[in-house]
Amino acid sequence: MDMRPRSHPTYLAFVVHRVSGLLLALFLPLHFWALGTAISGEARLDGFLRWAENPLAKAAETILVILLAAHLAGGLRVLALEFLGWRSRQKDMVAASAGIALLVGLVFLLNVV
């Protein structure tokens, strides 16, 4: 049994995947609240959309997209691990997952601003 130290990149990828999933789950009630404003009237939705234009909300949206991308890339890494078995290139897969997540967040940020 291969016991990797907690400083190993694959352990850090595991932690990022779990934490991003948890944070996304905590975001869901806020998302449902925002959707609720859309069905409760045009005035409430317009007020919410005006609030969403502030820089703090834009930063939170960017972080959310990075979390989504990190969780997706980490999940794909786990699927590759499940179906392909342990490879010596796990560190490369971790780096690729992190790079993809940050790239998606940057592209989103550039399109938002």
PDB file of N, CA and C in Angstrom:
ATOM      1  N   MET A   1       0.846  -1.180   0.000  1.00  0.00           N
ATOM      2  CA  MET A   1       0.000   0.000   0.000  1.00  0.00           C
ATOM      3  C   MET A   1       0.889   1.240   0.000  1.00  0.00           C
ATOM      4  N   ASP A   2       0.626   2.129  -0.913  1.00  0.00           N
ATOM      5  CA  ASP A   2       1.433   3.331  -1.068  1.00  0.00           C
ATOM      6  C   ASP A   2       0.851   4.453  -0.216  1.00  0.00           C
ATOM      7  N   MET A   3       1.517   4.788   0.880  1.00  0.00           N
ATOM      8  CA  MET A   3       1.039   5.849   1.769  1.00  0.00           C
ATOM      9  C   MET A   3       1.799   7.131   1.445  1.00  0.00           C
ATOM     10  N   ARG A   4       1.148   8.022   0.717  1.00  0.00           N
ATOM     11  CA  ARG A   4       1.772   9.284   0.334  1.00  0.00           C
ATOM     12  C   ARG A   4       1.716  10.263   1.493  1.00  0.00           C
ATOM     13  N   PRO A   5       2.731  11.094   1.623  1.00  0.00           N
ATOM     14  CA  PRO A   5       2.679  12.116   2.680  1.00  0.00           C
ATOM     15  C   PRO A   5       1.625  13.172   2.350  1.00  0.00           C
ATOM     16  N   ARG A   6       1.181  13.858   3.369  1.00  0.00           N
ATOM     17  CA  ARG A   6       0.121  14.860   3.176  1.00  0.00           C
ATOM     18  C   ARG A   6       0.591  16.066   2.371  1.00  0.00           C
ATOM     19  N   SER A   7       1.868  16.208   2.152  1.00  0.00           N
ATOM     20  CA  SER A   7       2.375  17.309   1.333  1.00  0.00           C
ATOM     21  C   SER A   7       2.456  16.919  -0.149  1.00  0.00           C
ATOM     22  N   HIS A   8       2.123  15.686  -0.471  1.00  0.00           N
ATOM     23  CA  HIS A   8       2.180  15.219  -1.852  1.00  0.00           C
ATOM     24  C   HIS A   8       1.094  15.930  -2.675  1.00  0.00           C
ATOM     25  N   PRO A   9       1.381  16.288  -3.920  1.00  0.00           N
ATOM     26  CA  PRO A   9       0.390  16.994  -4.737  1.00  0.00           C
ATOM     27  C   PRO A   9      -0.942  16.257  -4.890  1.00  0.00           C
ATOM     28  N   THR A  10      -0.928  14.943  -4.915  1.00  0.00           N
ATOM     29  CA  THR A  10      -2.193  14.220  -5.055  1.00  0.00           C
ATOM     30  C   THR A  10      -3.060  14.363  -3.811  1.00  0.00           C
ATOM     31  N   TYR A  11      -2.430  14.467  -2.642  1.00  0.00           N
ATOM     32  CA  TYR A  11      -3.216  14.700  -1.430  1.00  0.00           C
ATOM     33  C   TYR A  11      -3.810  16.104  -1.459  1.00  0.00           C
ATOM     34  N   LEU A  12      -3.033  17.066  -1.910  1.00  0.00           N
ATOM     35  CA  LEU A  12      -3.539  18.432  -2.017  1.00  0.00           C
ATOM     36  C   LEU A  12      -4.676  18.506  -3.036  1.00  0.00           C
ATOM     37  N   ALA A  13      -4.572  17.742  -4.128  1.00  0.00           N
ATOM     38  CA  ALA A  13      -5.653  17.702  -5.114  1.00  0.00           C
ATOM     39  C   ALA A  13      -6.911  17.095  -4.501  1.00  0.00           C
ATOM     40  N   PHE A  14      -6.736  16.067  -3.681  1.00  0.00           N
ATOM     41  CA  PHE A  14      -7.857  15.452  -2.967  1.00  0.00           C
ATOM     42  C   PHE A  14      -8.553  16.485  -2.072  1.00  0.00           C
ATOM     43  N   VAL A  15      -7.759  17.257  -1.335  1.00  0.00           N
ATOM     44  CA  VAL A  15      -8.318  18.259  -0.433  1.00  0.00           C
ATOM     45  C   VAL A  15      -9.049  19.346  -1.224  1.00  0.00           C
ATOM     46  N   VAL A  16      -8.450  19.827  -2.317  1.00  0.00           N
ATOM     47  CA  VAL A  16      -9.089  20.860  -3.139  1.00  0.00           C
ATOM     48  C   VAL A  16     -10.411  20.342  -3.696  1.00  0.00           C
ATOM     49  N   HIS A  17     -10.419  19.088  -4.147  1.00  0.00           N
ATOM     50  CA  HIS A  17     -11.646  18.511  -4.704  1.00  0.00           C
ATOM     51  C   HIS A  17     -12.739  18.436  -3.645  1.00  0.00           C
ATOM     52  N   ARG A  18     -12.393  17.987  -2.445  1.00  0.00           N
ATOM     53  CA  ARG A  18     -13.398  17.874  -1.377  1.00  0.00           C
ATOM     54  C   ARG A  18     -13.874  19.240  -0.892  1.00  0.00           C
ATOM     55  N   VAL A  19     -12.952  20.174  -0.705  1.00  0.00           N
ATOM     56  CA  VAL A  19     -13.318  21.502  -0.215  1.00  0.00           C
ATOM     57  C   VAL A  19     -14.141  22.257  -1.267  1.00  0.00           C
ATOM     58  N   SER A  20     -13.765  22.145  -2.528  1.00  0.00           N
ATOM     59  CA  SER A  20     -14.549  22.817  -3.573  1.00  0.00           C
ATOM     60  C   SER A  20     -15.955  22.240  -3.638  1.00  0.00           C
ATOM     61  N   GLY A  21     -16.100  20.937  -3.477  1.00  0.00           N
ATOM     62  CA  GLY A  21     -17.433  20.326  -3.445  1.00  0.00           C
ATOM     63  C   GLY A  21     -18.253  20.820  -2.276  1.00  0.00           C
ATOM     64  N   LEU A  22     -17.622  20.935  -1.130  1.00  0.00           N
ATOM     65  CA  LEU A  22     -18.326  21.431   0.059  1.00  0.00           C
ATOM     66  C   LEU A  22     -18.755  22.891  -0.134  1.00  0.00           C
ATOM     67  N   LEU A  23     -17.867  23.725  -0.634  1.00  0.00           N
ATOM     68  CA  LEU A  23     -18.211  25.130  -0.850  1.00  0.00           C
ATOM     69  C   LEU A  23     -19.302  25.296  -1.907  1.00  0.00           C
ATOM     70  N   LEU A  24     -19.276  24.459  -2.936  1.00  0.00           N
ATOM     71  CA  LEU A  24     -20.334  24.506  -3.940  1.00  0.00           C
ATOM     72  C   LEU A  24     -21.670  24.087  -3.349  1.00  0.00           C
ATOM     73  N   ALA A  25     -21.653  23.093  -2.473  1.00  0.00           N
ATOM     74  CA  ALA A  25     -22.886  22.669  -1.810  1.00  0.00           C
ATOM     75  C   ALA A  25     -23.423  23.776  -0.902  1.00  0.00           C
ATOM     76  N   LEU A  26     -22.534  24.508  -0.245  1.00  0.00           N
ATOM     77  CA  LEU A  26     -22.968  25.616   0.600  1.00  0.00           C
ATOM     78  C   LEU A  26     -23.506  26.782  -0.229  1.00  0.00           C
ATOM     79  N   PHE A  27     -23.064  26.891  -1.468  1.00  0.00           N
ATOM     80  CA  PHE A  27     -23.538  27.945  -2.352  1.00  0.00           C
ATOM     81  C   PHE A  27     -24.964  27.692  -2.847  1.00  0.00           C
ATOM     82  N   LEU A  28     -25.371  26.446  -2.916  1.00  0.00           N
ATOM     83  CA  LEU A  28     -26.679  26.118  -3.491  1.00  0.00           C
ATOM     84  C   LEU A  28     -27.853  26.871  -2.874  1.00  0.00           C
ATOM     85  N   PRO A  29     -27.960  27.014  -1.553  1.00  0.00           N
ATOM     86  CA  PRO A  29     -29.089  27.796  -1.026  1.00  0.00           C
ATOM     87  C   PRO A  29     -29.103  29.244  -1.522  1.00  0.00           C
ATOM     88  N   LEU A  30     -27.931  29.855  -1.666  1.00  0.00           N
ATOM     89  CA  LEU A  30     -27.873  31.212  -2.214  1.00  0.00           C
ATOM     90  C   LEU A  30     -28.336  31.243  -3.670  1.00  0.00           C
ATOM     91  N   HIS A  31     -27.981  30.218  -4.395  1.00  0.00           N
ATOM     92  CA  HIS A  31     -28.404  30.126  -5.786  1.00  0.00           C
ATOM     93  C   HIS A  31     -29.924  29.983  -5.877  1.00  0.00           C
ATOM     94  N   PHE A  32     -30.490  29.140  -5.028  1.00  0.00           N
ATOM     95  CA  PHE A  32     -31.943  28.976  -5.038  1.00  0.00           C
ATOM     96  C   PHE A  32     -32.648  30.256  -4.592  1.00  0.00           C
ATOM     97  N   TRP A  33     -32.044  30.995  -3.663  1.00  0.00           N
ATOM     98  CA  TRP A  33     -32.602  32.277  -3.244  1.00  0.00           C
ATOM     99  C   TRP A  33     -32.609  33.253  -4.425  1.00  0.00           C
ATOM    100  N   ALA A  34     -31.517  33.285  -5.184  1.00  0.00           N
ATOM    101  CA  ALA A  34     -31.446  34.172  -6.353  1.00  0.00           C
ATOM    102  C   ALA A  34     -32.486  33.770  -7.394  1.00  0.00           C
ATOM    103  N   LEU A  35     -32.668  32.490  -7.600  1.00  0.00           N
ATOM    104  CA  LEU A  35     -33.698  32.041  -8.536  1.00  0.00           C
ATOM    105  C   LEU A  35     -35.090  32.405  -8.035  1.00  0.00           C
ATOM    106  N   GLY A  36     -35.265  32.355  -6.724  1.00  0.00           N
ATOM    107  CA  GLY A  36     -36.548  32.726  -6.135  1.00  0.00           C
ATOM    108  C   GLY A  36     -36.899  34.178  -6.379  1.00  0.00           C
ATOM    109  N   THR A  37     -35.891  35.039  -6.437  1.00  0.00           N
ATOM    110  CA  THR A  37     -36.171  36.447  -6.726  1.00  0.00           C
ATOM    111  C   THR A  37     -36.682  36.609  -8.154  1.00  0.00           C
ATOM    112  N   ALA A  38     -36.255  35.744  -9.049  1.00  0.00           N
ATOM    113  CA  ALA A  38     -36.695  35.827 -10.440  1.00  0.00           C
ATOM    114  C   ALA A  38     -38.177  35.487 -10.577  1.00  0.00           C
ATOM    115  N   ILE A  39     -38.670  34.562  -9.752  1.00  0.00           N
ATOM    116  CA  ILE A  39     -40.073  34.182  -9.888  1.00  0.00           C
ATOM    117  C   ILE A  39     -40.993  34.987  -8.973  1.00  0.00           C
ATOM    118  N   SER A  40     -40.409  35.799  -8.086  1.00  0.00           N
ATOM    119  CA  SER A  40     -41.249  36.563  -7.170  1.00  0.00           C
ATOM    120  C   SER A  40     -41.549  37.977  -7.676  1.00  0.00           C
ATOM    121  N   GLY A  41     -41.011  38.344  -8.807  1.00  0.00           N
ATOM    122  CA  GLY A  41     -41.347  39.642  -9.373  1.00  0.00           C
ATOM    123  C   GLY A  41     -40.177  40.302 -10.065  1.00  0.00           C
ATOM    124  N   GLU A  42     -40.532  41.100 -11.045  1.00  0.00           N
ATOM    125  CA  GLU A  42     -39.513  41.769 -11.847  1.00  0.00           C
ATOM    126  C   GLU A  42     -38.718  42.788 -11.031  1.00  0.00           C
ATOM    127  N   ALA A  43     -39.381  43.475 -10.115  1.00  0.00           N
ATOM    128  CA  ALA A  43     -38.702  44.506  -9.317  1.00  0.00           C
ATOM    129  C   ALA A  43     -37.647  43.884  -8.408  1.00  0.00           C
ATOM    130  N   ARG A  44     -37.980  42.765  -7.769  1.00  0.00           N
ATOM    131  CA  ARG A  44     -36.987  42.101  -6.902  1.00  0.00           C
ATOM    132  C   ARG A  44     -35.819  41.576  -7.716  1.00  0.00           C
ATOM    133  N   LEU A  45     -36.102  41.026  -8.893  1.00  0.00           N
ATOM    134  CA  LEU A  45     -35.025  40.524  -9.746  1.00  0.00           C
ATOM    135  C   LEU A  45     -34.129  41.664 -10.204  1.00  0.00           C
ATOM    136  N   ASP A  46     -34.716  42.787 -10.582  1.00  0.00           N
ATOM    137  CA  ASP A  46     -33.906  43.939 -10.996  1.00  0.00           C
ATOM    138  C   ASP A  46     -33.029  44.445  -9.851  1.00  0.00           C
ATOM    139  N   GLY A  47     -33.574  44.454  -8.640  1.00  0.00           N
ATOM    140  CA  GLY A  47     -32.778  44.855  -7.482  1.00  0.00           C
ATOM    141  C   GLY A  47     -31.625  43.905  -7.239  1.00  0.00           C
ATOM    142  N   PHE A  48     -31.881  42.613  -7.378  1.00  0.00           N
ATOM    143  CA  PHE A  48     -30.814  41.619  -7.205  1.00  0.00           C
ATOM    144  C   PHE A  48     -29.752  41.780  -8.285  1.00  0.00           C
ATOM    145  N   LEU A  49     -30.177  42.003  -9.515  1.00  0.00           N
ATOM    146  CA  LEU A  49     -29.216  42.156 -10.612  1.00  0.00           C
ATOM    147  C   LEU A  49     -28.377  43.420 -10.444  1.00  0.00           C
ATOM    148  N   ARG A  50     -28.967  44.490  -9.905  1.00  0.00           N
ATOM    149  CA  ARG A  50     -28.176  45.698  -9.616  1.00  0.00           C
ATOM    150  C   ARG A  50     -27.134  45.401  -8.535  1.00  0.00           C
ATOM    151  N   TRP A  51     -27.558  44.666  -7.508  1.00  0.00           N
ATOM    152  CA  TRP A  51     -26.615  44.297  -6.449  1.00  0.00           C
ATOM    153  C   TRP A  51     -25.490  43.434  -7.010  1.00  0.00           C
ATOM    154  N   ALA A  52     -25.811  42.560  -7.952  1.00  0.00           N
ATOM    155  CA  ALA A  52     -24.819  41.642  -8.520  1.00  0.00           C
ATOM    156  C   ALA A  52     -23.781  42.358  -9.371  1.00  0.00           C
ATOM    157  N   GLU A  53     -23.990  43.619  -9.677  1.00  0.00           N
ATOM    158  CA  GLU A  53     -23.021  44.379 -10.469  1.00  0.00           C
ATOM    159  C   GLU A  53     -21.861  44.916  -9.642  1.00  0.00           C
ATOM    160  N   ASN A  54     -21.934  44.844  -8.302  1.00  0.00           N
ATOM    161  CA  ASN A  54     -20.840  45.410  -7.500  1.00  0.00           C
ATOM    162  C   ASN A  54     -19.595  44.520  -7.592  1.00  0.00           C
ATOM    163  N   PRO A  55     -18.419  45.104  -7.405  1.00  0.00           N
ATOM    164  CA  PRO A  55     -17.162  44.370  -7.578  1.00  0.00           C
ATOM    165  C   PRO A  55     -17.026  43.148  -6.652  1.00  0.00           C
ATOM    166  N   LEU A  56     -17.562  43.228  -5.452  1.00  0.00           N
ATOM    167  CA  LEU A  56     -17.477  42.079  -4.551  1.00  0.00           C
ATOM    168  C   LEU A  56     -18.269  40.889  -5.102  1.00  0.00           C
ATOM    169  N   ALA A  57     -19.434  41.157  -5.667  1.00  0.00           N
ATOM    170  CA  ALA A  57     -20.232  40.085  -6.268  1.00  0.00           C
ATOM    171  C   ALA A  57     -19.515  39.510  -7.486  1.00  0.00           C
ATOM    172  N   LYS A  58     -18.883  40.356  -8.275  1.00  0.00           N
ATOM    173  CA  LYS A  58     -18.121  39.881  -9.440  1.00  0.00           C
ATOM    174  C   LYS A  58     -16.953  38.999  -9.002  1.00  0.00           C
ATOM    175  N   ALA A  59     -16.274  39.397  -7.931  1.00  0.00           N
ATOM    176  CA  ALA A  59     -15.175  38.577  -7.409  1.00  0.00           C
ATOM    177  C   ALA A  59     -15.698  37.235  -6.911  1.00  0.00           C
ATOM    178  N   ALA A  60     -16.848  37.252  -6.233  1.00  0.00           N
ATOM    179  CA  ALA A  60     -17.439  36.002  -5.752  1.00  0.00           C
ATOM    180  C   ALA A  60     -17.837  35.106  -6.915  1.00  0.00           C
ATOM    181  N   GLU A  61     -18.363  35.685  -7.993  1.00  0.00           N
ATOM    182  CA  GLU A  61     -18.705  34.900  -9.178  1.00  0.00           C
ATOM    183  C   GLU A  61     -17.465  34.250  -9.776  1.00  0.00           C
ATOM    184  N   THR A  62     -16.377  35.004  -9.837  1.00  0.00           N
ATOM    185  CA  THR A  62     -15.137  34.465 -10.390  1.00  0.00           C
ATOM    186  C   THR A  62     -14.624  33.316  -9.528  1.00  0.00           C
ATOM    187  N   ILE A  63     -14.667  33.483  -8.215  1.00  0.00           N
ATOM    188  CA  ILE A  63     -14.239  32.411  -7.310  1.00  0.00           C
ATOM    189  C   ILE A  63     -15.137  31.188  -7.478  1.00  0.00           C
ATOM    190  N   LEU A  64     -16.431  31.419  -7.655  1.00  0.00           N
ATOM    191  CA  LEU A  64     -17.364  30.318  -7.866  1.00  0.00           C
ATOM    192  C   LEU A  64     -17.028  29.544  -9.141  1.00  0.00           C
ATOM    193  N   VAL A  65     -16.717  30.261 -10.211  1.00  0.00           N
ATOM    194  CA  VAL A  65     -16.358  29.590 -11.466  1.00  0.00           C
ATOM    195  C   VAL A  65     -15.057  28.803 -11.292  1.00  0.00           C
ATOM    196  N   ILE A  66     -14.094  29.358 -10.567  1.00  0.00           N
ATOM    197  CA  ILE A  66     -12.841  28.635 -10.316  1.00  0.00           C
ATOM    198  C   ILE A  66     -13.123  27.387  -9.485  1.00  0.00           C
ATOM    199  N   LEU A  67     -13.994  27.501  -8.484  1.00  0.00           N
ATOM    200  CA  LEU A  67     -14.361  26.324  -7.682  1.00  0.00           C
ATOM    201  C   LEU A  67     -15.029  25.258  -8.539  1.00  0.00           C
ATOM    202  N   LEU A  68     -15.937  25.679  -9.421  1.00  0.00           N
ATOM    203  CA  LEU A  68     -16.596  24.729 -10.316  1.00  0.00           C
ATOM    204  C   LEU A  68     -15.580  24.031 -11.220  1.00  0.00           C
ATOM    205  N   ALA A  69     -14.673  24.820 -11.794  1.00  0.00           N
ATOM    206  CA  ALA A  69     -13.666  24.247 -12.678  1.00  0.00           C
ATOM    207  C   ALA A  69     -12.710  23.334 -11.916  1.00  0.00           C
ATOM    208  N   ALA A  70     -12.329  23.729 -10.712  1.00  0.00           N
ATOM    209  CA  ALA A  70     -11.445  22.888  -9.897  1.00  0.00           C
ATOM    210  C   ALA A  70     -12.134  21.582  -9.536  1.00  0.00           C
ATOM    211  N   HIS A  71     -13.408  21.660  -9.200  1.00  0.00           N
ATOM    212  CA  HIS A  71     -14.133  20.445  -8.835  1.00  0.00           C
ATOM    213  C   HIS A  71     -14.297  19.532 -10.058  1.00  0.00           C
ATOM    214  N   LEU A  72     -14.602  20.119 -11.206  1.00  0.00           N
ATOM    215  CA  LEU A  72     -14.730  19.328 -12.426  1.00  0.00           C
ATOM    216  C   LEU A  72     -13.399  18.692 -12.816  1.00  0.00           C
ATOM    217  N   ALA A  73     -12.333  19.487 -12.818  1.00  0.00           N
ATOM    218  CA  ALA A  73     -11.020  18.951 -13.195  1.00  0.00           C
ATOM    219  C   ALA A  73     -10.556  17.898 -12.196  1.00  0.00           C
ATOM    220  N   GLY A  74     -10.803  18.142 -10.912  1.00  0.00           N
ATOM    221  CA  GLY A  74     -10.440  17.137  -9.905  1.00  0.00           C
ATOM    222  C   GLY A  74     -11.256  15.863 -10.057  1.00  0.00           C
ATOM    223  N   GLY A  75     -12.527  16.013 -10.396  1.00  0.00           N
ATOM    224  CA  GLY A  75     -13.363  14.829 -10.631  1.00  0.00           C
ATOM    225  C   GLY A  75     -12.894  14.037 -11.832  1.00  0.00           C
ATOM    226  N   LEU A  76     -12.484  14.731 -12.896  1.00  0.00           N
ATOM    227  CA  LEU A  76     -11.941  14.031 -14.063  1.00  0.00           C
ATOM    228  C   LEU A  76     -10.641  13.314 -13.710  1.00  0.00           C
ATOM    229  N   ARG A  77      -9.839  13.930 -12.843  1.00  0.00           N
ATOM    230  CA  ARG A  77      -8.608  13.275 -12.406  1.00  0.00           C
ATOM    231  C   ARG A  77      -8.930  12.004 -11.627  1.00  0.00           C
ATOM    232  N   VAL A  78      -9.945  12.075 -10.763  1.00  0.00           N
ATOM    233  CA  VAL A  78     -10.338  10.894  -9.986  1.00  0.00           C
ATOM    234  C   VAL A  78     -10.869   9.808 -10.916  1.00  0.00           C
ATOM    235  N   LEU A  79     -11.665  10.196 -11.919  1.00  0.00           N
ATOM    236  CA  LEU A  79     -12.166   9.210 -12.875  1.00  0.00           C
ATOM    237  C   LEU A  79     -11.020   8.543 -13.634  1.00  0.00           C
ATOM    238  N   ALA A  80     -10.047   9.351 -14.040  1.00  0.00           N
ATOM    239  CA  ALA A  80      -8.886   8.776 -14.724  1.00  0.00           C
ATOM    240  C   ALA A  80      -8.154   7.807 -13.806  1.00  0.00           C
ATOM    241  N   LEU A  81      -8.041   8.164 -12.552  1.00  0.00           N
ATOM    242  CA  LEU A  81      -7.383   7.284 -11.581  1.00  0.00           C
ATOM    243  C   LEU A  81      -8.169   5.988 -11.415  1.00  0.00           C
ATOM    244  N   GLU A  82      -9.495   6.087 -11.373  1.00  0.00           N
ATOM    245  CA  GLU A  82     -10.339   4.907 -11.208  1.00  0.00           C
ATOM    246  C   GLU A  82     -10.242   3.966 -12.400  1.00  0.00           C
ATOM    247  N   PHE A  83     -10.298   4.528 -13.601  1.00  0.00           N
ATOM    248  CA  PHE A  83     -10.357   3.683 -14.789  1.00  0.00           C
ATOM    249  C   PHE A  83      -8.995   3.346 -15.379  1.00  0.00           C
ATOM    250  N   LEU A  84      -7.998   4.165 -15.124  1.00  0.00           N
ATOM    251  CA  LEU A  84      -6.678   3.922 -15.703  1.00  0.00           C
ATOM    252  C   LEU A  84      -5.672   3.381 -14.701  1.00  0.00           C
ATOM    253  N   GLY A  85      -6.009   3.417 -13.442  1.00  0.00           N
ATOM    254  CA  GLY A  85      -5.078   2.942 -12.423  1.00  0.00           C
ATOM    255  C   GLY A  85      -4.039   3.999 -12.087  1.00  0.00           C
ATOM    256  N   TRP A  86      -3.237   3.696 -11.097  1.00  0.00           N
ATOM    257  CA  TRP A  86      -2.225   4.642 -10.639  1.00  0.00           C
ATOM    258  C   TRP A  86      -1.136   4.769 -11.694  1.00  0.00           C
ATOM    259  N   ARG A  87      -0.820   5.976 -12.015  1.00  0.00           N
ATOM    260  CA  ARG A  87       0.225   6.266 -12.995  1.00  0.00           C
ATOM    261  C   ARG A  87       1.319   7.087 -12.323  1.00  0.00           C
ATOM    262  N   SER A  88       2.492   6.998 -12.877  1.00  0.00           N
ATOM    263  CA  SER A  88       3.594   7.788 -12.338  1.00  0.00           C
ATOM    264  C   SER A  88       3.423   9.269 -12.666  1.00  0.00           C
ATOM    265  N   ARG A  89       2.484   9.591 -13.543  1.00  0.00           N
ATOM    266  CA  ARG A  89       2.279  10.975 -13.962  1.00  0.00           C
ATOM    267  C   ARG A  89       1.145  11.647 -13.192  1.00  0.00           C
ATOM    268  N   GLN A  90       0.845  11.175 -11.990  1.00  0.00           N
ATOM    269  CA  GLN A  90      -0.228  11.773 -11.197  1.00  0.00           C
ATOM    270  C   GLN A  90       0.044  13.251 -10.907  1.00  0.00           C
ATOM    271  N   LYS A  91       1.308  13.587 -10.668  1.00  0.00           N
ATOM    272  CA  LYS A  91       1.643  14.994 -10.411  1.00  0.00           C
ATOM    273  C   LYS A  91       1.315  15.855 -11.627  1.00  0.00           C
ATOM    274  N   ASP A  92       1.546  15.319 -12.808  1.00  0.00           N
ATOM    275  CA  ASP A  92       1.212  16.047 -14.029  1.00  0.00           C
ATOM    276  C   ASP A  92      -0.299  16.247 -14.146  1.00  0.00           C
ATOM    277  N   MET A  93      -1.060  15.228 -13.767  1.00  0.00           N
ATOM    278  CA  MET A  93      -2.522  15.341 -13.815  1.00  0.00           C
ATOM    279  C   MET A  93      -3.013  16.377 -12.809  1.00  0.00           C
ATOM    280  N   VAL A  94      -2.388  16.436 -11.644  1.00  0.00           N
ATOM    281  CA  VAL A  94      -2.746  17.444 -10.643  1.00  0.00           C
ATOM    282  C   VAL A  94      -2.448  18.839 -11.175  1.00  0.00           C
ATOM    283  N   ALA A  95      -1.284  19.007 -11.760  1.00  0.00           N
ATOM    284  CA  ALA A  95      -0.911  20.313 -12.310  1.00  0.00           C
ATOM    285  C   ALA A  95      -1.848  20.708 -13.450  1.00  0.00           C
ATOM    286  N   ALA A  96      -2.199  19.765 -14.296  1.00  0.00           N
ATOM    287  CA  ALA A  96      -3.125  20.053 -15.393  1.00  0.00           C
ATOM    288  C   ALA A  96      -4.493  20.447 -14.850  1.00  0.00           C
ATOM    289  N   SER A  97      -4.962  19.758 -13.825  1.00  0.00           N
ATOM    290  CA  SER A  97      -6.259  20.095 -13.218  1.00  0.00           C
ATOM    291  C   SER A  97      -6.247  21.505 -12.656  1.00  0.00           C
ATOM    292  N   ALA A  98      -5.187  21.850 -11.946  1.00  0.00           N
ATOM    293  CA  ALA A  98      -5.084  23.192 -11.375  1.00  0.00           C
ATOM    294  C   ALA A  98      -4.985  24.245 -12.470  1.00  0.00           C
ATOM    295  N   GLY A  99      -4.217  23.960 -13.490  1.00  0.00           N
ATOM    296  CA  GLY A  99      -4.075  24.896 -14.597  1.00  0.00           C
ATOM    297  C   GLY A  99      -5.385  25.123 -15.334  1.00  0.00           C
ATOM    298  N   ILE A 100      -6.132  24.055 -15.569  1.00  0.00           N
ATOM    299  CA  ILE A 100      -7.423  24.178 -16.246  1.00  0.00           C
ATOM    300  C   ILE A 100      -8.377  25.023 -15.409  1.00  0.00           C
ATOM    301  N   ALA A 101      -8.420  24.761 -14.115  1.00  0.00           N
ATOM    302  CA  ALA A 101      -9.323  25.512 -13.233  1.00  0.00           C
ATOM    303  C   ALA A 101      -8.983  26.995 -13.239  1.00  0.00           C
ATOM    304  N   LEU A 102      -7.710  27.327 -13.130  1.00  0.00           N
ATOM    305  CA  LEU A 102      -7.315  28.740 -13.125  1.00  0.00           C
ATOM    306  C   LEU A 102      -7.534  29.393 -14.481  1.00  0.00           C
ATOM    307  N   LEU A 103      -7.302  28.663 -15.553  1.00  0.00           N
ATOM    308  CA  LEU A 103      -7.532  29.192 -16.890  1.00  0.00           C
ATOM    309  C   LEU A 103      -9.011  29.504 -17.108  1.00  0.00           C
ATOM    310  N   VAL A 104      -9.885  28.602 -16.694  1.00  0.00           N
ATOM    311  CA  VAL A 104     -11.323  28.833 -16.837  1.00  0.00           C
ATOM    312  C   VAL A 104     -11.740  30.052 -16.021  1.00  0.00           C
ATOM    313  N   GLY A 105     -11.220  30.174 -14.791  1.00  0.00           N
ATOM    314  CA  GLY A 105     -11.535  31.343 -13.976  1.00  0.00           C
ATOM    315  C   GLY A 105     -11.047  32.631 -14.605  1.00  0.00           C
ATOM    316  N   LEU A 106      -9.862  32.617 -15.192  1.00  0.00           N
ATOM    317  CA  LEU A 106      -9.317  33.810 -15.838  1.00  0.00           C
ATOM    318  C   LEU A 106     -10.130  34.197 -17.056  1.00  0.00           C
ATOM    319  N   VAL A 107     -10.511  33.216 -17.870  1.00  0.00           N
ATOM    320  CA  VAL A 107     -11.340  33.494 -19.042  1.00  0.00           C
ATOM    321  C   VAL A 107     -12.680  34.087 -18.612  1.00  0.00           C
ATOM    322  N   PHE A 108     -13.266  33.528 -17.551  1.00  0.00           N
ATOM    323  CA  PHE A 108     -14.524  34.061 -17.033  1.00  0.00           C
ATOM    324  C   PHE A 108     -14.332  35.499 -16.553  1.00  0.00           C
ATOM    325  N   LEU A 109     -13.267  35.739 -15.817  1.00  0.00           N
ATOM    326  CA  LEU A 109     -13.002  37.084 -15.289  1.00  0.00           C
ATOM    327  C   LEU A 109     -12.827  38.084 -16.412  1.00  0.00           C
ATOM    328  N   LEU A 110     -12.142  37.692 -17.468  1.00  0.00           N
ATOM    329  CA  LEU A 110     -11.926  38.595 -18.599  1.00  0.00           C
ATOM    330  C   LEU A 110     -13.232  38.886 -19.333  1.00  0.00           C
ATOM    331  N   ASN A 111     -14.140  37.931 -19.359  1.00  0.00           N
ATOM    332  CA  ASN A 111     -15.426  38.150 -20.025  1.00  0.00           C
ATOM    333  C   ASN A 111     -16.398  38.928 -19.154  1.00  0.00           C
ATOM    334  N   VAL A 112     -16.218  38.908 -17.846  1.00  0.00           N
ATOM    335  CA  VAL A 112     -17.122  39.604 -16.921  1.00  0.00           C
ATOM    336  C   VAL A 112     -16.795  41.084 -16.853  1.00  0.00           C
ATOM    337  N   VAL A 113     -15.515  41.384 -16.818  1.00  0.00           N
ATOM    338  CA  VAL A 113     -15.083  42.788 -16.630  1.00  0.00           C
ATOM    339  C   VAL A 113     -15.357  43.614 -17.840  1.00  0.00           C
TER     340      VAL A 113
END
